[in-house]
C-alpha atoms as a PDB file:
ATOM      1  CA  MET A   1      13.703   6.563  -6.654  1.00  0.00           C
ATOM      2  CA  ALA A   2      10.970   4.724  -8.562  1.00  0.00           C
ATOM      3  CA  LEU A   3       8.076   3.186  -6.695  1.00  0.00           C
ATOM      4  CA  VAL A   4       7.581  -0.458  -7.526  1.00  0.00           C
ATOM      5  CA  VAL A   5       3.906  -0.789  -8.326  1.00  0.00           C
ATOM      6  CA  GLN A   6       3.445  -4.452  -9.159  1.00  0.00           C
ATOM      7  CA  ILE A   7       5.311  -7.464  -7.911  1.00  0.00           C
ATOM      8  CA  SER A   8       4.415 -11.134  -8.062  1.00  0.00           C
ATOM      9  CA  THR A   9       6.254 -12.858  -5.222  1.00  0.00           C
ATOM     10  CA  TYR A  10       7.088 -12.486  -1.577  1.00  0.00           C
ATOM     11  CA  GLU A  11      10.753 -12.846  -2.510  1.00  0.00           C
ATOM     12  CA  GLU A  12      10.470  -9.601  -4.495  1.00  0.00           C
ATOM     13  CA  LEU A  13       8.921  -7.856  -1.479  1.00  0.00           C
ATOM     14  CA  LYS A  14      11.720  -9.116   0.777  1.00  0.00           C
ATOM     15  CA  LYS A  15      14.279  -7.690  -1.649  1.00  0.00           C
ATOM     16  CA  ILE A  16      12.514  -4.307  -1.736  1.00  0.00           C
ATOM     17  CA  ILE A  17      12.436  -4.253   2.071  1.00  0.00           C
ATOM     18  CA  ALA A  18      16.133  -5.139   2.273  1.00  0.00           C
ATOM     19  CA  GLU A  19      17.071  -2.479  -0.277  1.00  0.00           C
ATOM     20  CA  SER A  20      15.018   0.194   1.502  1.00  0.00           C
ATOM     21  CA  GLY A  21      17.670   0.576   4.184  1.00  0.00           C
ATOM     22  CA  LYS A  22      14.897   0.949   6.764  1.00  0.00           C
ATOM     23  CA  GLU A  23      14.368  -1.279   9.787  1.00  0.00           C
ATOM     24  CA  TYR A  24      11.299  -3.470   9.439  1.00  0.00           C
ATOM     25  CA  ASP A  25       9.827  -6.216  11.603  1.00  0.00           C
ATOM     26  CA  ARG A  26      10.470  -8.839   8.944  1.00  0.00           C
ATOM     27  CA  GLU A  27       9.145 -11.701  11.070  1.00  0.00           C
ATOM     28  CA  GLN A  28       5.751 -10.039  11.544  1.00  0.00           C
ATOM     29  CA  ILE A  29       5.618  -8.947   7.892  1.00  0.00           C
ATOM     30  CA  GLU A  30       6.264 -12.545   6.851  1.00  0.00           C
ATOM     31  CA  ALA A  31       3.517 -13.744   9.203  1.00  0.00           C
ATOM     32  CA  ALA A  32       1.139 -11.211   7.600  1.00  0.00           C
ATOM     33  CA  TYR A  33       2.143 -12.425   4.144  1.00  0.00           C
ATOM     34  CA  ARG A  34       1.586 -16.070   5.138  1.00  0.00           C
ATOM     35  CA  LEU A  35      -1.915 -15.309   6.409  1.00  0.00           C
ATOM     36  CA  ALA A  36      -2.789 -13.245   3.314  1.00  0.00           C
ATOM     37  CA  GLU A  37      -1.434 -15.950   1.001  1.00  0.00           C
ATOM     38  CA  GLU A  38      -3.402 -18.646   2.834  1.00  0.00           C
ATOM     39  CA  LYS A  39      -6.668 -16.674   2.822  1.00  0.00           C
ATOM     40  CA  HIS A  40      -6.354 -15.543  -0.820  1.00  0.00           C
ATOM     41  CA  ARG A  41      -4.950 -18.857  -2.127  1.00  0.00           C
ATOM     42  CA  GLU A  42      -8.000 -19.785  -4.192  1.00  0.00           C
ATOM     43  CA  GLN A  43      -8.790 -16.250  -5.374  1.00  0.00           C
ATOM     44  CA  LYS A  44      -7.834 -14.990  -8.820  1.00  0.00           C
ATOM     45  CA  ARG A  45      -7.703 -11.503 -10.305  1.00  0.00           C
ATOM     46  CA  SER A  46      -9.834 -10.797 -13.383  1.00  0.00           C
ATOM     47  CA  SER A  47      -6.643 -11.362 -15.417  1.00  0.00           C
ATOM     48  CA  GLY A  48      -6.432 -14.912 -14.031  1.00  0.00           C
ATOM     49  CA  GLU A  49      -3.328 -14.120 -11.964  1.00  0.00           C
ATOM     50  CA  PRO A  50      -3.248 -15.107  -8.288  1.00  0.00           C
ATOM     51  CA  TYR A  51      -4.958 -12.458  -6.135  1.00  0.00           C
ATOM     52  CA  ILE A  52      -1.984 -12.284  -3.739  1.00  0.00           C
ATOM     53  CA  ILE A  53      -0.184 -10.143  -6.351  1.00  0.00           C
ATOM     54  CA  HIS A  54      -2.394  -7.199  -5.343  1.00  0.00           C
ATOM     55  CA  PRO A  55      -1.599  -7.129  -1.587  1.00  0.00           C
ATOM     56  CA  LEU A  56       2.076  -7.807  -2.340  1.00  0.00           C
ATOM     57  CA  SER A  57       2.093  -4.807  -4.672  1.00  0.00           C
ATOM     58  CA  VAL A  58       0.373  -2.589  -2.091  1.00  0.00           C
ATOM     59  CA  ALA A  59       3.003  -3.596   0.474  1.00  0.00           C
ATOM     60  CA  ALA A  60       5.811  -2.831  -2.007  1.00  0.00           C
ATOM     61  CA  ILE A  61       4.373   0.648  -2.647  1.00  0.00           C
ATOM     62  CA  LEU A  62       4.134   1.308   1.094  1.00  0.00           C
ATOM     63  CA  VAL A  63       7.769   0.265   1.592  1.00  0.00           C
ATOM     64  CA  GLY A  64       8.727   2.553  -1.304  1.00  0.00           C
ATOM     65  CA  LEU A  65       6.948   5.430   0.426  1.00  0.00           C
ATOM     66  CA  GLY A  66       8.895   4.743   3.625  1.00  0.00           C
ATOM     67  CA  MET A  67       5.927   3.564   5.659  1.00  0.00           C
ATOM     68  CA  ASP A  68       6.433   1.515   8.839  1.00  0.00           C
ATOM     69  CA  SER A  69       6.070  -2.220   9.535  1.00  0.00           C
ATOM     70  CA  GLN A  70       2.453  -1.925  10.693  1.00  0.00           C
ATOM     71  CA  SER A  71       1.504  -0.151   7.460  1.00  0.00           C
ATOM     72  CA  VAL A  72       3.231  -2.828   5.366  1.00  0.00           C
ATOM     73  CA  MET A  73       1.427  -5.568   7.308  1.00  0.00           C
ATOM     74  CA  ALA A  74      -1.886  -3.737   6.801  1.00  0.00           C
ATOM     75  CA  GLY A  75      -1.064  -3.510   3.090  1.00  0.00           C
ATOM     76  CA  LEU A  76      -0.681  -7.268   2.931  1.00  0.00           C
ATOM     77  CA  LEU A  77      -3.831  -7.917   4.970  1.00  0.00           C
ATOM     78  CA  HIS A  78      -6.195  -5.159   3.843  1.00  0.00           C
ATOM     79  CA  ASP A  79      -8.459  -7.412   1.748  1.00  0.00           C
ATOM     80  CA  VAL A  80      -8.334 -10.434   4.062  1.00  0.00           C
ATOM     81  CA  VAL A  81     -11.058  -8.978   6.303  1.00  0.00           C
ATOM     82  CA  GLU A  82     -13.272  -7.900   3.392  1.00  0.00           C
ATOM     83  CA  ASP A  83     -12.875 -11.009   1.226  1.00  0.00           C
ATOM     84  CA  THR A  84     -12.440 -13.939   3.623  1.00  0.00           C
ATOM     85  CA  ASP A  85     -13.686 -15.333   6.925  1.00  0.00           C
ATOM     86  CA  CYS A  86     -10.940 -13.519   8.854  1.00  0.00           C
ATOM     87  CA  THR A  87     -12.204 -10.734  11.148  1.00  0.00           C
ATOM     88  CA  LEU A  88     -10.656  -7.510  12.417  1.00  0.00           C
ATOM     89  CA  GLU A  89     -10.587  -9.159  15.838  1.00  0.00           C
ATOM     90  CA  ASP A  90      -8.492 -12.021  14.388  1.00  0.00           C
ATOM     91  CA  ILE A  91      -6.087  -9.478  12.874  1.00  0.00           C
ATOM     92  CA  GLN A  92      -5.865  -7.566  16.147  1.00  0.00           C
ATOM     93  CA  LYS A  93      -5.076 -10.732  18.122  1.00  0.00           C
ATOM     94  CA  GLN A  94      -2.299 -11.774  15.767  1.00  0.00           C
ATOM     95  CA  PHE A  95      -0.857  -8.430  14.600  1.00  0.00           C
ATOM     96  CA  GLY A  96      -2.008  -5.839  17.126  1.00  0.00           C
ATOM     97  CA  LYS A  97      -4.507  -3.033  17.421  1.00  0.00           C
ATOM     98  CA  GLU A  98      -2.576  -0.636  15.162  1.00  0.00           C
ATOM     99  CA  VAL A  99      -2.656  -2.977  12.137  1.00  0.00           C
ATOM    100  CA  ALA A 100      -6.363  -3.669  12.698  1.00  0.00           C
ATOM    101  CA  LEU A 101      -7.118   0.074  12.918  1.00  0.00           C
ATOM    102  CA  LEU A 102      -5.247   0.778   9.684  1.00  0.00           C
ATOM    103  CA  ILE A 103      -7.158  -1.958   7.861  1.00  0.00           C
ATOM    104  CA  ASP A 104     -10.477  -0.727   9.262  1.00  0.00           C
ATOM    105  CA  GLY A 105      -9.654   2.860   8.288  1.00  0.00           C
ATOM    106  CA  VAL A 106      -8.712   1.921   4.723  1.00  0.00           C
ATOM    107  CA  THR A 107     -11.930  -0.067   4.380  1.00  0.00           C
ATOM    108  CA  LYS A 108     -14.013   2.869   5.640  1.00  0.00           C
ATOM    109  CA  LEU A 109     -12.158   5.453   3.529  1.00  0.00           C
ATOM    110  CA  GLY A 110     -12.778   3.356   0.428  1.00  0.00           C
ATOM    111  CA  LYS A 111     -16.531   3.558   1.067  1.00  0.00           C
ATOM    112  CA  ILE A 112     -16.694   7.365   1.301  1.00  0.00           C
ATOM    113  CA  PRO A 113     -18.114   8.839  -1.914  1.00  0.00           C
ATOM    114  CA  TYR A 114     -16.285  11.950  -3.121  1.00  0.00           C
ATOM    115  CA  SER A 115     -15.440  13.502  -6.440  1.00  0.00           C
ATOM    116  CA  SER A 116     -12.801  16.082  -5.502  1.00  0.00           C
ATOM    117  CA  ARG A 117     -10.069  16.725  -2.948  1.00  0.00           C
ATOM    118  CA  GLU A 118     -12.282  19.384  -1.331  1.00  0.00           C
ATOM    119  CA  GLU A 119     -14.876  16.739  -0.461  1.00  0.00           C
ATOM    120  CA  LEU A 120     -12.467  14.491   1.433  1.00  0.00           C
ATOM    121  CA  PRO A 121     -13.105  14.342   5.184  1.00  0.00           C
ATOM    122  CA  PRO A 122     -10.514  16.063   7.398  1.00  0.00           C
ATOM    123  CA  LEU A 123      -7.772  13.692   8.468  1.00  0.00           C
ATOM    124  CA  GLY A 124      -5.483  13.802  11.451  1.00  0.00           C
ATOM    125  CA  GLY A 125      -3.349  11.395  13.446  1.00  0.00           C
ATOM    126  CA  GLU A 126      -3.733   7.912  12.009  1.00  0.00           C
ATOM    127  CA  GLY A 127      -5.840   9.363   9.192  1.00  0.00           C
ATOM    128  CA  VAL A 128      -2.717  10.366   7.302  1.00  0.00           C
ATOM    129  CA  ARG A 129      -1.316   6.811   7.421  1.00  0.00           C
ATOM    130  CA  VAL A 130      -4.707   5.426   6.400  1.00  0.00           C
ATOM    131  CA  THR A 131      -4.828   7.823   3.451  1.00  0.00           C
ATOM    132  CA  VAL A 132      -1.319   6.903   2.270  1.00  0.00           C
ATOM    133  CA  HIS A 133      -2.261   3.213   2.533  1.00  0.00           C
ATOM    134  CA  TYR A 134      -5.512   3.814   0.646  1.00  0.00           C
ATOM    135  CA  TYR A 135      -3.787   5.582  -2.220  1.00  0.00           C
ATOM    136  CA  GLY A 136      -1.063   2.937  -2.284  1.00  0.00           C
ATOM    137  CA  GLU A 137      -3.813   0.359  -2.662  1.00  0.00           C
ATOM    138  CA  ARG A 138      -5.433   2.357  -5.470  1.00  0.00           C
ATOM    139  CA  LEU A 139      -2.071   2.696  -7.281  1.00  0.00           C
ATOM    140  CA  ALA A 140      -1.505  -1.049  -7.105  1.00  0.00           C
ATOM    141  CA  PHE A 141      -5.060  -1.755  -8.241  1.00  0.00           C
ATOM    142  CA  LYS A 142      -4.734   0.466 -11.278  1.00  0.00           C
ATOM    143  CA  GLY A 143      -1.129  -0.480 -12.013  1.00  0.00           C
ATOM    144  CA  VAL A 144      -0.182   3.193 -12.304  1.00  0.00           C
ATOM    145  CA  ARG A 145       3.556   3.809 -12.141  1.00  0.00           C
ATOM    146  CA  PHE A 146       4.905   6.755 -10.200  1.00  0.00           C
ATOM    147  CA  SER A 147       8.343   8.040  -9.277  1.00  0.00           C
ATOM    148  CA  LEU A 148       9.402  10.126  -6.325  1.00  0.00           C
ATOM    149  CA  GLY A 149      10.897  13.420  -7.389  1.00  0.00           C
ATOM    150  CA  THR A 150      12.277  16.503  -5.684  1.00  0.00           C
ATOM    151  CA  ASP A 151      11.652  20.047  -6.810  1.00  0.00           C
ATOM    152  CA  PRO A 152      15.159  21.508  -7.294  1.00  0.00           C
ATOM    153  CA  GLU A 153      14.013  25.002  -6.257  1.00  0.00           C
ATOM    154  CA  THR A 154      12.041  24.185  -3.112  1.00  0.00           C
ATOM    155  CA  GLY A 155      13.418  20.780  -2.108  1.00  0.00           C
ATOM    156  CA  GLN A 156       9.803  19.553  -1.817  1.00  0.00           C
ATOM    157  CA  ASP A 157       9.358  15.842  -2.546  1.00  0.00           C
ATOM    158  CA  TYR A 158       6.490  14.908  -4.840  1.00  0.00           C
ATOM    159  CA  LEU A 159       5.001  11.985  -6.744  1.00  0.00           C
ATOM    160  CA  ARG A 160       5.011  12.233 -10.519  1.00  0.00           C
ATOM    161  CA  LYS A 161       3.338   9.949 -12.998  1.00  0.00           C
ATOM    162  CA  ASN A 162       5.440   7.789 -15.299  1.00  0.00           C
ATOM    163  CA  ASN A 163       4.086   7.686 -18.846  1.00  0.00           C
ATOM    164  CA  GLU A 164       3.530   4.402 -20.652  1.00  0.00           C
ATOM    165  CA  ASP A 165       6.628   4.994 -22.802  1.00  0.00           C
ATOM    166  CA  GLY A 166       8.756   5.213 -19.652  1.00  0.00           C
ATOM    167  CA  SER A 167       9.117   9.002 -19.688  1.00  0.00           C
ATOM    168  CA  ILE A 168       8.196  10.959 -16.589  1.00  0.00           C
ATOM    169  CA  THR A 169       5.585  13.665 -16.353  1.00  0.00           C
ATOM    170  CA  GLU A 170       7.449  16.648 -14.919  1.00  0.00           C
ATOM    171  CA  GLU A 171       4.417  18.840 -14.370  1.00  0.00           C
ATOM    172  CA  GLY A 172       1.547  18.236 -12.009  1.00  0.00           C
ATOM    173  CA  GLY A 173       3.384  16.214  -9.393  1.00  0.00           C
ATOM    174  CA  VAL A 174       1.579  15.639  -6.121  1.00  0.00           C
ATOM    175  CA  PRO A 175       3.493  17.061  -3.135  1.00  0.00           C
ATOM    176  CA  CYS A 176       4.476  14.548  -0.477  1.00  0.00           C
ATOM    177  CA  VAL A 177       4.083  15.484   3.183  1.00  0.00           C
END
């Protein structure tokens, strides 16, 4: 199954959600999208494209990784708190404490300087979800394309990088928990 890394519309995200076969709180996800779209309406990416493409892409990656509704909402809203007048308290009132905590965790994780996996702080509980969200955000930001694969010998799922020519790197996949 290929992860979709960049999408441009909410309609594309709705299709990805529908095709995932997983139950999502579509009403709350749409409310999160509406708020993100409203708050980012005047913002543009350096390419000149509407900024909303980035949070939509993060949300699509999180759906592709099988994350839950709160993670998808946090994916849509993660830059609203940093880039607009919306506060974590506003997010918590409208979407709940869990979404606000995920957004806060992603923001904090993004500010930790490290240069290797060994330097990452230990993560537990919500830290794992925050980390998946953070790396989903980084994938969308860089436009890197990955596929989910399964090692035929061990059955272990892993992420593998898709090359620019469309081929897939078979070696060096990152194991998925």
